[in-house]
Amino acid sequence: MPKMLIADDNEQITKILAQFAKREGFQVDTAGDGEAALAAFSAHSYDILLLDVMMPKKDGFAVCKEIRQNSNLPIIMIT
């Protein structure tokens, strides 16, 4: 089963995106801020990342930049 990380500080959006992803057969993890997203990325293997641009602690651009240093993981930026 493919695994997706959804990083967004809006809990309602995260729940909606997770529901759609699960219906499409993804196993889903979520993160509520940029630092949590990086911690999840470091601890687990993902097939795709949905990444909000505006998040607390680290914004989506900073998270993307750090991930790109070590990975070519597909990232979809959401705003």
C-alpha atoms as a PDB file:
ATOM      1  CA  MET A   1       0.000   0.000   0.000  1.00  0.00           C
ATOM      2  CA  PRO A   2       1.482   3.396  -0.952  1.00  0.00           C
ATOM      3  CA  LYS A   3       2.174   5.754   1.926  1.00  0.00           C
ATOM      4  CA  MET A   4       1.410   9.500   1.978  1.00  0.00           C
ATOM      5  CA  LEU A   5       2.371  12.269   4.388  1.00  0.00           C
ATOM      6  CA  ILE A   6       0.002  15.225   4.596  1.00  0.00           C
ATOM      7  CA  ALA A   7       1.513  18.308   6.252  1.00  0.00           C
ATOM      8  CA  ASP A   8      -0.946  21.116   6.949  1.00  0.00           C
ATOM      9  CA  ASP A   9      -1.714  23.187  10.043  1.00  0.00           C
ATOM     10  CA  ASN A  10      -5.441  23.321   9.243  1.00  0.00           C
ATOM     11  CA  GLU A  11      -6.891  20.217  10.867  1.00  0.00           C
ATOM     12  CA  GLN A  12     -10.095  20.303   8.820  1.00  0.00           C
ATOM     13  CA  ILE A  13      -8.198  20.368   5.512  1.00  0.00           C
ATOM     14  CA  THR A  14      -5.922  17.585   6.724  1.00  0.00           C
ATOM     15  CA  LYS A  15      -8.903  15.372   7.586  1.00  0.00           C
ATOM     16  CA  ILE A  16     -10.553  15.951   4.195  1.00  0.00           C
ATOM     17  CA  LEU A  17      -7.348  15.243   2.261  1.00  0.00           C
ATOM     18  CA  ALA A  18      -6.685  12.129   4.357  1.00  0.00           C
ATOM     19  CA  GLN A  19     -10.190  10.794   3.660  1.00  0.00           C
ATOM     20  CA  PHE A  20      -9.721  11.175  -0.094  1.00  0.00           C
ATOM     21  CA  ALA A  21      -6.244   9.629   0.015  1.00  0.00           C
ATOM     22  CA  LYS A  22      -7.437   6.643   2.047  1.00  0.00           C
ATOM     23  CA  ARG A  23     -10.273   6.077  -0.426  1.00  0.00           C
ATOM     24  CA  GLU A  24      -7.645   5.915  -3.162  1.00  0.00           C
ATOM     25  CA  GLY A  25      -5.696   3.257  -1.266  1.00  0.00           C
ATOM     26  CA  PHE A  26      -3.041   5.304   0.543  1.00  0.00           C
ATOM     27  CA  GLN A  27      -1.879   4.765   4.071  1.00  0.00           C
ATOM     28  CA  VAL A  28      -1.793   8.303   5.523  1.00  0.00           C
ATOM     29  CA  ASP A  29       0.269  10.042   8.182  1.00  0.00           C
ATOM     30  CA  THR A  30      -0.274  13.684   9.078  1.00  0.00           C
ATOM     31  CA  ALA A  31       1.810  16.525  10.472  1.00  0.00           C
ATOM     32  CA  GLY A  32       0.526  19.853  11.794  1.00  0.00           C
ATOM     33  CA  ASP A  33       3.646  21.960  11.248  1.00  0.00           C
ATOM     34  CA  GLY A  34       6.900  21.997   9.316  1.00  0.00           C
ATOM     35  CA  GLU A  35       9.061  20.524  12.073  1.00  0.00           C
ATOM     36  CA  ALA A  36       6.622  17.640  12.594  1.00  0.00           C
ATOM     37  CA  ALA A  37       6.638  17.009   8.834  1.00  0.00           C
ATOM     38  CA  LEU A  38      10.439  16.780   8.791  1.00  0.00           C
ATOM     39  CA  ALA A  39      10.419  14.474  11.817  1.00  0.00           C
ATOM     40  CA  ALA A  40       7.873  12.169  10.147  1.00  0.00           C
ATOM     41  CA  PHE A  41       9.862  12.211   6.897  1.00  0.00           C
ATOM     42  CA  SER A  42      13.029  11.255   8.787  1.00  0.00           C
ATOM     43  CA  ALA A  43      11.328   8.444  10.692  1.00  0.00           C
ATOM     44  CA  HIS A  44       9.294   6.859   7.875  1.00  0.00           C
ATOM     45  CA  SER A  45       9.359   6.141   4.178  1.00  0.00           C
ATOM     46  CA  TYR A  46       6.743   7.873   2.006  1.00  0.00           C
ATOM     47  CA  ASP A  47       5.710   7.645  -1.621  1.00  0.00           C
ATOM     48  CA  ILE A  48       4.336  11.201  -1.803  1.00  0.00           C
ATOM     49  CA  LEU A  49       4.017  14.333   0.328  1.00  0.00           C
ATOM     50  CA  LEU A  50       1.193  16.877   0.286  1.00  0.00           C
ATOM     51  CA  LEU A  51       2.780  19.991   1.773  1.00  0.00           C
ATOM     52  CA  ASP A  52       1.059  23.220   2.806  1.00  0.00           C
ATOM     53  CA  VAL A  53       2.983  26.405   2.049  1.00  0.00           C
ATOM     54  CA  MET A  54       1.952  28.391   5.152  1.00  0.00           C
ATOM     55  CA  MET A  55       2.674  26.431   8.355  1.00  0.00           C
ATOM     56  CA  PRO A  56       4.031  27.278  11.803  1.00  0.00           C
ATOM     57  CA  LYS A  57       7.602  26.571  12.898  1.00  0.00           C
ATOM     58  CA  LYS A  58       8.818  25.936   9.309  1.00  0.00           C
ATOM     59  CA  ASP A  59       6.927  26.857   6.180  1.00  0.00           C
ATOM     60  CA  GLY A  60       6.415  24.470   3.294  1.00  0.00           C
ATOM     61  CA  PHE A  61       9.199  25.994   1.205  1.00  0.00           C
ATOM     62  CA  ALA A  62      11.752  25.413   3.989  1.00  0.00           C
ATOM     63  CA  VAL A  63      10.522  21.844   4.483  1.00  0.00           C
ATOM     64  CA  CYS A  64      10.688  21.176   0.749  1.00  0.00           C
ATOM     65  CA  LYS A  65      14.223  22.580   0.546  1.00  0.00           C
ATOM     66  CA  GLU A  66      15.420  20.326   3.383  1.00  0.00           C
ATOM     67  CA  ILE A  67      13.787  17.226   1.909  1.00  0.00           C
ATOM     68  CA  ARG A  68      15.264  17.966  -1.531  1.00  0.00           C
ATOM     69  CA  GLN A  69      18.783  17.848  -0.063  1.00  0.00           C
ATOM     70  CA  ASN A  70      18.427  14.075   0.369  1.00  0.00           C
ATOM     71  CA  SER A  71      15.407  12.883  -1.571  1.00  0.00           C
ATOM     72  CA  ASN A  72      13.494  13.086  -4.844  1.00  0.00           C
ATOM     73  CA  LEU A  73      10.208  12.278  -3.105  1.00  0.00           C
ATOM     74  CA  PRO A  74       7.253  13.629  -5.117  1.00  0.00           C
ATOM     75  CA  ILE A  75       5.955  16.724  -3.326  1.00  0.00           C
ATOM     76  CA  ILE A  76       2.685  18.489  -4.105  1.00  0.00           C
ATOM     77  CA  MET A  77       2.571  21.981  -2.617  1.00  0.00           C
ATOM     78  CA  ILE A  78      -0.891  23.053  -1.448  1.00  0.00           C
ATOM     79  CA  THR A  79      -2.022  26.559  -0.576  1.00  0.00           C
END
